[in-house]
Amino acid sequence: MTTIFSNFRFQVQESLIPSSADPNGFWRDCKMDHAHCNSSQMQFLQDFRNQMLNAINDFSKSNQNGLFINSCFAH
């Protein structure tokens, strides 16, 4: 079984911070280009990443599972 975690940018734009959850547009520039994130937004994204990695920690130790994690904010 292979599990693929990829396309972090899409997940931020459409799942983690959808427009309906950001009516004042606080995240609009940040979610389109992480170079426009302020320090609290970057900390939120880093905390989300760390929580995801912690959540898959046990799963990732099995030699019957595979993971591809692309957590680069630039792609």
PDB file of N, CA and C in Angstrom:
ATOM      1  N   MET A   1       0.845  -1.181   0.000  1.00  0.00           N
ATOM      2  CA  MET A   1       0.000   0.000   0.000  1.00  0.00           C
ATOM      3  C   MET A   1       0.886   1.239   0.000  1.00  0.00           C
ATOM      4  N   THR A   2       0.573   2.174  -0.842  1.00  0.00           N
ATOM      5  CA  THR A   2       1.329   3.415  -0.916  1.00  0.00           C
ATOM      6  C   THR A   2       0.407   4.579  -0.597  1.00  0.00           C
ATOM      7  N   THR A   3       0.859   5.438   0.268  1.00  0.00           N
ATOM      8  CA  THR A   3       0.115   6.647   0.584  1.00  0.00           C
ATOM      9  C   THR A   3       0.914   7.827   0.078  1.00  0.00           C
ATOM     10  N   ILE A   4       0.264   8.712  -0.629  1.00  0.00           N
ATOM     11  CA  ILE A   4       0.956   9.863  -1.201  1.00  0.00           C
ATOM     12  C   ILE A   4       0.402  11.143  -0.584  1.00  0.00           C
ATOM     13  N   PHE A   5       1.286  11.922  -0.008  1.00  0.00           N
ATOM     14  CA  PHE A   5       0.949  13.245   0.495  1.00  0.00           C
ATOM     15  C   PHE A   5       1.698  14.236  -0.381  1.00  0.00           C
ATOM     16  N   SER A   6       0.975  14.993  -1.151  1.00  0.00           N
ATOM     17  CA  SER A   6       1.648  15.943  -2.024  1.00  0.00           C
ATOM     18  C   SER A   6       0.756  17.145  -2.270  1.00  0.00           C
ATOM     19  N   ASN A   7       1.298  18.081  -3.002  1.00  0.00           N
ATOM     20  CA  ASN A   7       0.588  19.265  -3.410  1.00  0.00           C
ATOM     21  C   ASN A   7       0.079  20.047  -2.207  1.00  0.00           C
ATOM     22  N   PHE A   8       0.996  20.383  -1.326  1.00  0.00           N
ATOM     23  CA  PHE A   8       0.668  21.104  -0.096  1.00  0.00           C
ATOM     24  C   PHE A   8      -0.024  22.425  -0.412  1.00  0.00           C
ATOM     25  N   ARG A   9       0.420  23.098  -1.437  1.00  0.00           N
ATOM     26  CA  ARG A   9      -0.162  24.395  -1.783  1.00  0.00           C
ATOM     27  C   ARG A   9      -1.649  24.264  -2.070  1.00  0.00           C
ATOM     28  N   PHE A  10      -2.039  23.265  -2.854  1.00  0.00           N
ATOM     29  CA  PHE A  10      -3.453  23.049  -3.151  1.00  0.00           C
ATOM     30  C   PHE A  10      -4.227  22.779  -1.869  1.00  0.00           C
ATOM     31  N   GLN A  11      -3.651  21.976  -0.985  1.00  0.00           N
ATOM     32  CA  GLN A  11      -4.331  21.665   0.269  1.00  0.00           C
ATOM     33  C   GLN A  11      -4.557  22.922   1.100  1.00  0.00           C
ATOM     34  N   VAL A  12      -3.587  23.796   1.146  1.00  0.00           N
ATOM     35  CA  VAL A  12      -3.737  25.047   1.892  1.00  0.00           C
ATOM     36  C   VAL A  12      -4.809  25.903   1.242  1.00  0.00           C
ATOM     37  N   GLN A  13      -4.764  26.031  -0.082  1.00  0.00           N
ATOM     38  CA  GLN A  13      -5.700  26.902  -0.790  1.00  0.00           C
ATOM     39  C   GLN A  13      -7.136  26.401  -0.690  1.00  0.00           C
ATOM     40  N   GLU A  14      -7.345  25.118  -0.843  1.00  0.00           N
ATOM     41  CA  GLU A  14      -8.700  24.595  -0.986  1.00  0.00           C
ATOM     42  C   GLU A  14      -9.248  23.871   0.244  1.00  0.00           C
ATOM     43  N   SER A  15      -8.404  23.352   1.086  1.00  0.00           N
ATOM     44  CA  SER A  15      -8.878  22.560   2.217  1.00  0.00           C
ATOM     45  C   SER A  15      -8.619  23.220   3.557  1.00  0.00           C
ATOM     46  N   LEU A  16      -7.388  23.565   3.813  1.00  0.00           N
ATOM     47  CA  LEU A  16      -7.015  24.111   5.114  1.00  0.00           C
ATOM     48  C   LEU A  16      -7.542  25.529   5.300  1.00  0.00           C
ATOM     49  N   ILE A  17      -7.474  26.328   4.253  1.00  0.00           N
ATOM     50  CA  ILE A  17      -7.904  27.724   4.339  1.00  0.00           C
ATOM     51  C   ILE A  17      -8.769  28.064   3.122  1.00  0.00           C
ATOM     52  N   PRO A  18      -9.972  27.506   3.039  1.00  0.00           N
ATOM     53  CA  PRO A  18     -10.835  27.840   1.903  1.00  0.00           C
ATOM     54  C   PRO A  18     -11.340  29.283   2.019  1.00  0.00           C
ATOM     55  N   SER A  19     -11.700  29.854   0.910  1.00  0.00           N
ATOM     56  CA  SER A  19     -12.174  31.240   0.902  1.00  0.00           C
ATOM     57  C   SER A  19     -13.367  31.439   1.825  1.00  0.00           C
ATOM     58  N   SER A  20     -14.219  30.441   1.934  1.00  0.00           N
ATOM     59  CA  SER A  20     -15.403  30.553   2.798  1.00  0.00           C
ATOM     60  C   SER A  20     -15.027  30.691   4.277  1.00  0.00           C
ATOM     61  N   ALA A  21     -13.835  30.225   4.644  1.00  0.00           N
ATOM     62  CA  ALA A  21     -13.374  30.336   6.028  1.00  0.00           C
ATOM     63  C   ALA A  21     -12.541  31.596   6.251  1.00  0.00           C
ATOM     64  N   ASP A  22     -12.349  32.368   5.197  1.00  0.00           N
ATOM     65  CA  ASP A  22     -11.521  33.576   5.263  1.00  0.00           C
ATOM     66  C   ASP A  22     -12.242  34.737   4.575  1.00  0.00           C
ATOM     67  N   PRO A  23     -13.425  35.127   5.082  1.00  0.00           N
ATOM     68  CA  PRO A  23     -14.219  36.139   4.387  1.00  0.00           C
ATOM     69  C   PRO A  23     -13.542  37.506   4.292  1.00  0.00           C
ATOM     70  N   ASN A  24     -12.617  37.813   5.186  1.00  0.00           N
ATOM     71  CA  ASN A  24     -11.932  39.102   5.140  1.00  0.00           C
ATOM     72  C   ASN A  24     -10.643  39.064   4.329  1.00  0.00           C
ATOM     73  N   GLY A  25     -10.297  37.902   3.786  1.00  0.00           N
ATOM     74  CA  GLY A  25      -9.125  37.775   2.926  1.00  0.00           C
ATOM     75  C   GLY A  25      -7.782  37.837   3.627  1.00  0.00           C
ATOM     76  N   PHE A  26      -7.765  37.545   4.933  1.00  0.00           N
ATOM     77  CA  PHE A  26      -6.516  37.592   5.693  1.00  0.00           C
ATOM     78  C   PHE A  26      -5.462  36.651   5.102  1.00  0.00           C
ATOM     79  N   TRP A  27      -5.890  35.501   4.583  1.00  0.00           N
ATOM     80  CA  TRP A  27      -4.978  34.485   4.061  1.00  0.00           C
ATOM     81  C   TRP A  27      -4.803  34.548   2.543  1.00  0.00           C
ATOM     82  N   ARG A  28      -5.537  35.413   1.858  1.00  0.00           N
ATOM     83  CA  ARG A  28      -5.571  35.396   0.390  1.00  0.00           C
ATOM     84  C   ARG A  28      -4.170  35.455  -0.233  1.00  0.00           C
ATOM     85  N   ASP A  29      -3.387  36.455   0.108  1.00  0.00           N
ATOM     86  CA  ASP A  29      -2.048  36.586  -0.493  1.00  0.00           C
ATOM     87  C   ASP A  29      -1.118  35.467  -0.055  1.00  0.00           C
ATOM     88  N   CYS A  30      -1.210  35.094   1.205  1.00  0.00           N
ATOM     89  CA  CYS A  30      -0.334  34.057   1.747  1.00  0.00           C
ATOM     90  C   CYS A  30      -0.566  32.709   1.067  1.00  0.00           C
ATOM     91  N   LYS A  31      -1.836  32.335   0.914  1.00  0.00           N
ATOM     92  CA  LYS A  31      -2.099  31.001   0.355  1.00  0.00           C
ATOM     93  C   LYS A  31      -1.799  30.928  -1.137  1.00  0.00           C
ATOM     94  N   MET A  32      -1.717  32.073  -1.810  1.00  0.00           N
ATOM     95  CA  MET A  32      -1.350  32.071  -3.222  1.00  0.00           C
ATOM     96  C   MET A  32       0.164  32.084  -3.422  1.00  0.00           C
ATOM     97  N   ASP A  33       0.880  32.684  -2.476  1.00  0.00           N
ATOM     98  CA  ASP A  33       2.336  32.766  -2.564  1.00  0.00           C
ATOM     99  C   ASP A  33       2.880  32.901  -1.147  1.00  0.00           C
ATOM    100  N   HIS A  34       3.558  31.887  -0.672  1.00  0.00           N
ATOM    101  CA  HIS A  34       4.015  31.877   0.713  1.00  0.00           C
ATOM    102  C   HIS A  34       5.055  32.950   1.024  1.00  0.00           C
ATOM    103  N   ALA A  35       5.588  33.602  -0.004  1.00  0.00           N
ATOM    104  CA  ALA A  35       6.479  34.731   0.235  1.00  0.00           C
ATOM    105  C   ALA A  35       5.721  35.914   0.827  1.00  0.00           C
ATOM    106  N   HIS A  36       4.392  35.876   0.708  1.00  0.00           N
ATOM    107  CA  HIS A  36       3.549  36.956   1.234  1.00  0.00           C
ATOM    108  C   HIS A  36       2.962  36.637   2.605  1.00  0.00           C
ATOM    109  N   CYS A  37       3.383  35.550   3.228  1.00  0.00           N
ATOM    110  CA  CYS A  37       2.875  35.184   4.560  1.00  0.00           C
ATOM    111  C   CYS A  37       3.602  35.986   5.632  1.00  0.00           C
ATOM    112  N   ASN A  38       2.847  36.372   6.652  1.00  0.00           N
ATOM    113  CA  ASN A  38       3.505  37.022   7.787  1.00  0.00           C
ATOM    114  C   ASN A  38       4.004  35.938   8.745  1.00  0.00           C
ATOM    115  N   SER A  39       4.666  36.334   9.800  1.00  0.00           N
ATOM    116  CA  SER A  39       5.289  35.352  10.694  1.00  0.00           C
ATOM    117  C   SER A  39       4.260  34.451  11.389  1.00  0.00           C
ATOM    118  N   SER A  40       3.096  34.985  11.739  1.00  0.00           N
ATOM    119  CA  SER A  40       2.095  34.138  12.393  1.00  0.00           C
ATOM    120  C   SER A  40       1.489  33.136  11.414  1.00  0.00           C
ATOM    121  N   GLN A  41       1.320  33.516  10.168  1.00  0.00           N
ATOM    122  CA  GLN A  41       0.821  32.585   9.158  1.00  0.00           C
ATOM    123  C   GLN A  41       1.842  31.483   8.894  1.00  0.00           C
ATOM    124  N   MET A  42       3.118  31.853   8.787  1.00  0.00           N
ATOM    125  CA  MET A  42       4.156  30.841   8.577  1.00  0.00           C
ATOM    126  C   MET A  42       4.223  29.889   9.768  1.00  0.00           C
ATOM    127  N   GLN A  43       4.064  30.404  10.966  1.00  0.00           N
ATOM    128  CA  GLN A  43       4.073  29.546  12.149  1.00  0.00           C
ATOM    129  C   GLN A  43       2.885  28.581  12.115  1.00  0.00           C
ATOM    130  N   PHE A  44       1.715  29.060  11.707  1.00  0.00           N
ATOM    131  CA  PHE A  44       0.538  28.206  11.584  1.00  0.00           C
ATOM    132  C   PHE A  44       0.799  27.082  10.592  1.00  0.00           C
ATOM    133  N   LEU A  45       1.370  27.414   9.430  1.00  0.00           N
ATOM    134  CA  LEU A  45       1.664  26.400   8.412  1.00  0.00           C
ATOM    135  C   LEU A  45       2.710  25.404   8.906  1.00  0.00           C
ATOM    136  N   GLN A  46       3.708  25.887   9.610  1.00  0.00           N
ATOM    137  CA  GLN A  46       4.740  24.997  10.156  1.00  0.00           C
ATOM    138  C   GLN A  46       4.143  24.077  11.220  1.00  0.00           C
ATOM    139  N   ASP A  47       3.273  24.619  12.066  1.00  0.00           N
ATOM    140  CA  ASP A  47       2.608  23.792  13.086  1.00  0.00           C
ATOM    141  C   ASP A  47       1.722  22.733  12.438  1.00  0.00           C
ATOM    142  N   PHE A  48       1.014  23.107  11.365  1.00  0.00           N
ATOM    143  CA  PHE A  48       0.192  22.136  10.639  1.00  0.00           C
ATOM    144  C   PHE A  48       1.061  21.014  10.079  1.00  0.00           C
ATOM    145  N   ARG A  49       2.184  21.383   9.487  1.00  0.00           N
ATOM    146  CA  ARG A  49       3.119  20.386   8.943  1.00  0.00           C
ATOM    147  C   ARG A  49       3.593  19.435  10.034  1.00  0.00           C
ATOM    148  N   ASN A  50       3.987  19.995  11.173  1.00  0.00           N
ATOM    149  CA  ASN A  50       4.475  19.157  12.271  1.00  0.00           C
ATOM    150  C   ASN A  50       3.388  18.234  12.803  1.00  0.00           C
ATOM    151  N   GLN A  51       2.161  18.723  12.897  1.00  0.00           N
ATOM    152  CA  GLN A  51       1.053  17.872  13.348  1.00  0.00           C
ATOM    153  C   GLN A  51       0.806  16.737  12.364  1.00  0.00           C
ATOM    154  N   MET A  52       0.905  17.029  11.062  1.00  0.00           N
ATOM    155  CA  MET A  52       0.715  15.984  10.062  1.00  0.00           C
ATOM    156  C   MET A  52       1.814  14.923  10.175  1.00  0.00           C
ATOM    157  N   LEU A  53       3.048  15.365  10.321  1.00  0.00           N
ATOM    158  CA  LEU A  53       4.146  14.408  10.447  1.00  0.00           C
ATOM    159  C   LEU A  53       4.011  13.561  11.709  1.00  0.00           C
ATOM    160  N   ASN A  54       3.576  14.158  12.798  1.00  0.00           N
ATOM    161  CA  ASN A  54       3.347  13.396  14.028  1.00  0.00           C
ATOM    162  C   ASN A  54       2.219  12.383  13.850  1.00  0.00           C
ATOM    163  N   ALA A  55       1.173  12.773  13.112  1.00  0.00           N
ATOM    164  CA  ALA A  55       0.021  11.888  12.904  1.00  0.00           C
ATOM    165  C   ALA A  55       0.386  10.650  12.093  1.00  0.00           C
ATOM    166  N   ILE A  56       1.338  10.771  11.177  1.00  0.00           N
ATOM    167  CA  ILE A  56       1.704   9.628  10.340  1.00  0.00           C
ATOM    168  C   ILE A  56       2.932   8.888  10.852  1.00  0.00           C
ATOM    169  N   ASN A  57       3.442   9.288  11.986  1.00  0.00           N
ATOM    170  CA  ASN A  57       4.673   8.712  12.511  1.00  0.00           C
ATOM    171  C   ASN A  57       4.596   7.189  12.634  1.00  0.00           C
ATOM    172  N   ASP A  58       3.585   6.659  13.290  1.00  0.00           N
ATOM    173  CA  ASP A  58       3.478   5.206  13.456  1.00  0.00           C
ATOM    174  C   ASP A  58       3.297   4.503  12.114  1.00  0.00           C
ATOM    175  N   PHE A  59       2.451   5.069  11.264  1.00  0.00           N
ATOM    176  CA  PHE A  59       2.216   4.492   9.941  1.00  0.00           C
ATOM    177  C   PHE A  59       3.506   4.412   9.142  1.00  0.00           C
ATOM    178  N   SER A  60       4.330   5.410   9.239  1.00  0.00           N
ATOM    179  CA  SER A  60       5.539   5.480   8.427  1.00  0.00           C
ATOM    180  C   SER A  60       6.609   4.475   8.848  1.00  0.00           C
ATOM    181  N   LYS A  61       6.483   3.905  10.027  1.00  0.00           N
ATOM    182  CA  LYS A  61       7.498   2.960  10.512  1.00  0.00           C
ATOM    183  C   LYS A  61       7.327   1.556   9.940  1.00  0.00           C
ATOM    184  N   SER A  62       6.175   1.263   9.383  1.00  0.00           N
ATOM    185  CA  SER A  62       5.925  -0.064   8.823  1.00  0.00           C
ATOM    186  C   SER A  62       6.627  -0.204   7.474  1.00  0.00           C
ATOM    187  N   ASN A  63       7.255  -1.354   7.253  1.00  0.00           N
ATOM    188  CA  ASN A  63       7.915  -1.574   5.966  1.00  0.00           C
ATOM    189  C   ASN A  63       6.918  -1.969   4.877  1.00  0.00           C
ATOM    190  N   GLN A  64       5.638  -2.057   5.224  1.00  0.00           N
ATOM    191  CA  GLN A  64       4.611  -2.363   4.233  1.00  0.00           C
ATOM    192  C   GLN A  64       3.895  -1.114   3.735  1.00  0.00           C
ATOM    193  N   ASN A  65       4.271   0.010   4.255  1.00  0.00           N
ATOM    194  CA  ASN A  65       3.654   1.278   3.852  1.00  0.00           C
ATOM    195  C   ASN A  65       4.704   2.150   3.183  1.00  0.00           C
ATOM    196  N   GLY A  66       4.258   2.986   2.294  1.00  0.00           N
ATOM    197  CA  GLY A  66       5.157   3.921   1.638  1.00  0.00           C
ATOM    198  C   GLY A  66       4.626   5.338   1.756  1.00  0.00           C
ATOM    199  N   LEU A  67       5.521   6.276   1.771  1.00  0.00           N
ATOM    200  CA  LEU A  67       5.130   7.679   1.888  1.00  0.00           C
ATOM    201  C   LEU A  67       5.917   8.532   0.912  1.00  0.00           C
ATOM    202  N   PHE A  68       5.252   9.495   0.349  1.00  0.00           N
ATOM    203  CA  PHE A  68       5.918  10.562  -0.387  1.00  0.00           C
ATOM    204  C   PHE A  68       5.354  11.845   0.188  1.00  0.00           C
ATOM    205  N   ILE A  69       6.182  12.631   0.830  1.00  0.00           N
ATOM    206  CA  ILE A  69       5.718  13.866   1.451  1.00  0.00           C
ATOM    207  C   ILE A  69       6.484  15.026   0.856  1.00  0.00           C
ATOM    208  N   ASN A  70       5.755  15.893   0.204  1.00  0.00           N
ATOM    209  CA  ASN A  70       6.343  17.104  -0.358  1.00  0.00           C
ATOM    210  C   ASN A  70       5.867  18.253   0.499  1.00  0.00           C
ATOM    211  N   SER A  71       6.720  18.743   1.354  1.00  0.00           N
ATOM    212  CA  SER A  71       6.303  19.797   2.270  1.00  0.00           C
ATOM    213  C   SER A  71       7.003  21.116   1.968  1.00  0.00           C
ATOM    214  N   CYS A  72       7.491  21.253   0.780  1.00  0.00           N
ATOM    215  CA  CYS A  72       8.154  22.488   0.391  1.00  0.00           C
ATOM    216  C   CYS A  72       7.106  23.564   0.128  1.00  0.00           C
ATOM    217  N   PHE A  73       7.215  24.694   0.796  1.00  0.00           N
ATOM    218  CA  PHE A  73       6.246  25.769   0.626  1.00  0.00           C
ATOM    219  C   PHE A  73       6.330  26.418  -0.740  1.00  0.00           C
ATOM    220  N   ALA A  74       7.407  26.192  -1.457  1.00  0.00           N
ATOM    221  CA  ALA A  74       7.604  26.879  -2.732  1.00  0.00           C
ATOM    222  C   ALA A  74       6.966  26.169  -3.926  1.00  0.00           C
ATOM    223  N   HIS A  75       6.448  24.977  -3.749  1.00  0.00           N
ATOM    224  CA  HIS A  75       5.885  24.237  -4.882  1.00  0.00           C
ATOM    225  C   HIS A  75       4.420  23.983  -4.684  1.00  0.00           C
TER     226      HIS A  75
END
